[in-house]
Amino acid sequence: MRTEEENKILIAKFENDVKKRSRFFRLLLVLDQLGNVLFLNGSQDETISSHIGRTGRAPRLCWMLRKLKSKHCKKSEGE
C-alpha cells in the first residue's frame, strides 16, 4: 500500500503528463508499450525503443529511428 505522500507524487506526475502530452501522443505511447509486450515480451511500462536500446536487440530498428531523432534508442532508455 502506498503512503499519502507517494499518492500525491503519482497524481502530480499524472497531471503533469496530461498537460505535457496530447491525448493522441499518449495513445501512441500506449500502443508502443503494447508492441513491446506482444512482440518483444518486454515490460508493459517500457517502449520498444527503450527495450531495444537497453538490450541491444534489433539494431537495425535503432538505426532507422536514429534518422528521425539522433540517438533515439539510447535517449529513450527507461521510458
N, C-alpha and C. Protein backbone atom coordinates (compact mmCIF):
# COMPACT_ATOMS: atom_id res chain seq x y z
N MET A 1 0.84 -1.18 0.00
CA MET A 1 0.00 0.00 0.00
C MET A 1 0.89 1.24 0.00
N ARG A 2 0.48 2.24 -0.79
CA ARG A 2 1.24 3.49 -0.89
C ARG A 2 0.90 4.45 0.23
N THR A 3 1.89 5.25 0.58
CA THR A 3 1.64 6.29 1.57
C THR A 3 0.93 7.45 0.88
N GLU A 4 0.40 8.35 1.67
CA GLU A 4 -0.28 9.51 1.11
C GLU A 4 0.68 10.37 0.29
N GLU A 5 1.91 10.47 0.75
CA GLU A 5 2.94 11.23 0.02
C GLU A 5 3.23 10.61 -1.34
N GLU A 6 3.33 9.28 -1.39
CA GLU A 6 3.56 8.58 -2.66
C GLU A 6 2.39 8.79 -3.61
N ASN A 7 1.18 8.76 -3.09
CA ASN A 7 -0.02 9.01 -3.91
C ASN A 7 0.01 10.42 -4.49
N LYS A 8 0.39 11.40 -3.68
CA LYS A 8 0.45 12.79 -4.17
C LYS A 8 1.48 12.92 -5.29
N ILE A 9 2.60 12.24 -5.15
CA ILE A 9 3.65 12.28 -6.19
C ILE A 9 3.14 11.66 -7.48
N LEU A 10 2.45 10.52 -7.38
CA LEU A 10 1.91 9.86 -8.57
C LEU A 10 0.84 10.72 -9.26
N ILE A 11 -0.01 11.34 -8.47
CA ILE A 11 -1.06 12.20 -9.04
C ILE A 11 -0.44 13.41 -9.73
N ALA A 12 0.58 14.00 -9.12
CA ALA A 12 1.26 15.14 -9.73
C ALA A 12 1.94 14.73 -11.04
N LYS A 13 2.53 13.56 -11.04
CA LYS A 13 3.18 13.05 -12.26
C LYS A 13 2.14 12.85 -13.37
N PHE A 14 1.00 12.26 -13.03
CA PHE A 14 -0.07 12.05 -13.99
C PHE A 14 -0.58 13.38 -14.55
N GLU A 15 -0.84 14.33 -13.67
CA GLU A 15 -1.36 15.63 -14.11
C GLU A 15 -0.35 16.36 -15.00
N ASN A 16 0.91 16.26 -14.68
CA ASN A 16 1.96 16.87 -15.50
C ASN A 16 2.01 16.21 -16.87
N ASP A 17 1.88 14.89 -16.92
CA ASP A 17 1.90 14.16 -18.18
C ASP A 17 0.73 14.55 -19.07
N VAL A 18 -0.45 14.71 -18.46
CA VAL A 18 -1.64 15.09 -19.23
C VAL A 18 -1.46 16.49 -19.82
N LYS A 19 -0.84 17.40 -19.06
CA LYS A 19 -0.61 18.77 -19.56
C LYS A 19 0.44 18.78 -20.66
N LYS A 20 1.48 17.95 -20.51
CA LYS A 20 2.63 17.98 -21.41
C LYS A 20 2.36 17.26 -22.73
N ARG A 21 1.58 16.19 -22.69
CA ARG A 21 1.37 15.36 -23.88
C ARG A 21 -0.10 15.35 -24.27
N SER A 22 -0.33 15.37 -25.58
CA SER A 22 -1.71 15.32 -26.06
C SER A 22 -2.28 13.91 -25.87
N ARG A 23 -3.58 13.82 -25.95
CA ARG A 23 -4.25 12.53 -25.84
C ARG A 23 -3.78 11.59 -26.95
N PHE A 24 -3.61 12.12 -28.15
CA PHE A 24 -3.14 11.31 -29.28
C PHE A 24 -1.74 10.78 -29.02
N PHE A 25 -0.85 11.62 -28.51
CA PHE A 25 0.52 11.18 -28.22
C PHE A 25 0.51 10.09 -27.14
N ARG A 26 -0.32 10.26 -26.13
CA ARG A 26 -0.40 9.25 -25.07
C ARG A 26 -0.96 7.94 -25.61
N LEU A 27 -1.88 8.01 -26.57
CA LEU A 27 -2.38 6.80 -27.22
C LEU A 27 -1.26 6.09 -27.98
N LEU A 28 -0.47 6.86 -28.71
CA LEU A 28 0.66 6.26 -29.42
C LEU A 28 1.65 5.61 -28.46
N LEU A 29 1.86 6.24 -27.33
CA LEU A 29 2.76 5.68 -26.32
C LEU A 29 2.23 4.34 -25.80
N VAL A 30 0.94 4.26 -25.56
CA VAL A 30 0.32 3.01 -25.09
C VAL A 30 0.48 1.92 -26.14
N LEU A 31 0.27 2.27 -27.41
CA LEU A 31 0.42 1.29 -28.48
C LEU A 31 1.87 0.82 -28.59
N ASP A 32 2.81 1.73 -28.38
CA ASP A 32 4.23 1.39 -28.38
C ASP A 32 4.54 0.41 -27.25
N GLN A 33 4.01 0.67 -26.08
CA GLN A 33 4.22 -0.23 -24.93
C GLN A 33 3.55 -1.58 -25.18
N LEU A 34 2.39 -1.58 -25.80
CA LEU A 34 1.70 -2.82 -26.14
C LEU A 34 2.55 -3.64 -27.11
N GLY A 35 3.12 -2.97 -28.11
CA GLY A 35 4.00 -3.66 -29.06
C GLY A 35 5.20 -4.27 -28.36
N ASN A 36 5.74 -3.59 -27.37
CA ASN A 36 6.87 -4.11 -26.61
C ASN A 36 6.48 -5.41 -25.90
N VAL A 37 5.28 -5.46 -25.34
CA VAL A 37 4.83 -6.67 -24.65
C VAL A 37 4.56 -7.80 -25.65
N LEU A 38 3.84 -7.48 -26.73
CA LEU A 38 3.44 -8.51 -27.69
C LEU A 38 4.60 -9.08 -28.50
N PHE A 39 5.48 -8.19 -28.99
CA PHE A 39 6.49 -8.63 -29.94
C PHE A 39 7.85 -8.91 -29.32
N LEU A 40 8.16 -8.26 -28.19
CA LEU A 40 9.48 -8.44 -27.59
C LEU A 40 9.42 -9.07 -26.20
N ASN A 41 8.20 -9.41 -25.76
CA ASN A 41 7.99 -9.97 -24.43
C ASN A 41 8.62 -9.07 -23.36
N GLY A 42 8.47 -7.76 -23.56
CA GLY A 42 9.05 -6.78 -22.64
C GLY A 42 8.06 -6.33 -21.59
N SER A 43 8.49 -5.38 -20.80
CA SER A 43 7.68 -4.82 -19.73
C SER A 43 6.57 -3.93 -20.30
N GLN A 44 5.43 -3.93 -19.64
CA GLN A 44 4.31 -3.09 -20.07
C GLN A 44 4.58 -1.62 -19.83
N ASP A 45 5.59 -1.29 -19.05
CA ASP A 45 5.92 0.10 -18.75
C ASP A 45 7.09 0.61 -19.57
N GLU A 46 7.45 -0.09 -20.64
CA GLU A 46 8.62 0.28 -21.42
C GLU A 46 8.26 0.34 -22.90
N THR A 47 8.82 1.30 -23.62
CA THR A 47 8.57 1.40 -25.05
C THR A 47 9.50 0.45 -25.80
N ILE A 48 9.18 0.21 -27.06
CA ILE A 48 10.02 -0.65 -27.90
C ILE A 48 11.42 -0.05 -28.01
N SER A 49 11.51 1.25 -28.22
CA SER A 49 12.81 1.91 -28.35
C SER A 49 13.66 1.74 -27.10
N SER A 50 13.03 1.91 -25.96
CA SER A 50 13.74 1.74 -24.70
C SER A 50 14.24 0.31 -24.54
N HIS A 51 13.39 -0.64 -24.88
CA HIS A 51 13.74 -2.05 -24.74
C HIS A 51 14.92 -2.43 -25.63
N ILE A 52 14.87 -2.03 -26.90
CA ILE A 52 15.96 -2.42 -27.79
C ILE A 52 17.23 -1.62 -27.52
N GLY A 53 17.08 -0.40 -27.01
CA GLY A 53 18.26 0.37 -26.62
C GLY A 53 18.97 -0.25 -25.42
N ARG A 54 18.17 -0.74 -24.48
CA ARG A 54 18.72 -1.34 -23.26
C ARG A 54 19.31 -2.72 -23.52
N THR A 55 18.65 -3.52 -24.37
CA THR A 55 19.09 -4.90 -24.58
C THR A 55 20.01 -5.08 -25.77
N GLY A 56 20.01 -4.11 -26.70
CA GLY A 56 20.83 -4.24 -27.89
C GLY A 56 20.19 -5.08 -28.98
N ARG A 57 18.94 -5.49 -28.76
CA ARG A 57 18.22 -6.24 -29.79
C ARG A 57 17.77 -5.30 -30.90
N ALA A 58 17.64 -5.81 -32.09
CA ALA A 58 17.12 -5.08 -33.25
C ALA A 58 17.89 -3.79 -33.54
N PRO A 59 19.21 -3.89 -33.75
CA PRO A 59 19.99 -2.68 -34.01
C PRO A 59 19.57 -1.95 -35.28
N ARG A 60 19.00 -2.68 -36.25
CA ARG A 60 18.54 -2.01 -37.48
C ARG A 60 17.40 -1.05 -37.19
N LEU A 61 16.53 -1.43 -36.27
CA LEU A 61 15.42 -0.54 -35.91
C LEU A 61 15.97 0.73 -35.27
N CYS A 62 16.96 0.58 -34.39
CA CYS A 62 17.59 1.77 -33.79
C CYS A 62 18.23 2.64 -34.87
N TRP A 63 18.84 2.01 -35.84
CA TRP A 63 19.46 2.75 -36.93
C TRP A 63 18.41 3.56 -37.70
N MET A 64 17.25 2.96 -37.97
CA MET A 64 16.18 3.67 -38.68
C MET A 64 15.62 4.81 -37.83
N LEU A 65 15.43 4.55 -36.54
CA LEU A 65 14.90 5.59 -35.66
C LEU A 65 15.88 6.74 -35.49
N ARG A 66 17.16 6.44 -35.62
CA ARG A 66 18.18 7.48 -35.49
C ARG A 66 18.05 8.51 -36.62
N LYS A 67 17.47 8.09 -37.75
CA LYS A 67 17.22 9.02 -38.86
C LYS A 67 16.18 10.07 -38.47
N LEU A 68 15.26 9.69 -37.59
CA LEU A 68 14.23 10.62 -37.13
C LEU A 68 14.71 11.49 -35.98
N LYS A 69 15.48 10.88 -35.07
CA LYS A 69 15.95 11.59 -33.89
C LYS A 69 17.30 11.02 -33.49
N SER A 70 18.28 11.86 -33.34
CA SER A 70 19.63 11.44 -33.00
C SER A 70 19.65 10.61 -31.71
N LYS A 71 20.27 9.45 -31.77
CA LYS A 71 20.42 8.55 -30.61
C LYS A 71 19.08 8.25 -29.93
N HIS A 72 18.06 8.02 -30.75
CA HIS A 72 16.71 7.81 -30.23
C HIS A 72 16.63 6.68 -29.21
N CYS A 73 17.17 5.52 -29.53
CA CYS A 73 17.07 4.37 -28.62
C CYS A 73 17.79 4.63 -27.31
N LYS A 74 18.97 5.21 -27.39
CA LYS A 74 19.74 5.49 -26.16
C LYS A 74 19.02 6.50 -25.28
N LYS A 75 18.45 7.54 -25.90
CA LYS A 75 17.75 8.56 -25.12
C LYS A 75 16.44 8.05 -24.53
N SER A 76 15.84 7.03 -25.14
CA SER A 76 14.56 6.55 -24.67
C SER A 76 14.68 5.48 -23.60
N GLU A 77 15.88 5.05 -23.27
CA GLU A 77 16.04 4.04 -22.23
C GLU A 77 15.39 4.51 -20.94
N GLY A 78 14.59 3.64 -20.36
CA GLY A 78 13.91 3.99 -19.12
C GLY A 78 12.52 4.53 -19.32
N GLU A 79 12.08 4.67 -20.56
CA GLU A 79 10.72 5.15 -20.81
C GLU A 79 9.73 4.02 -20.65
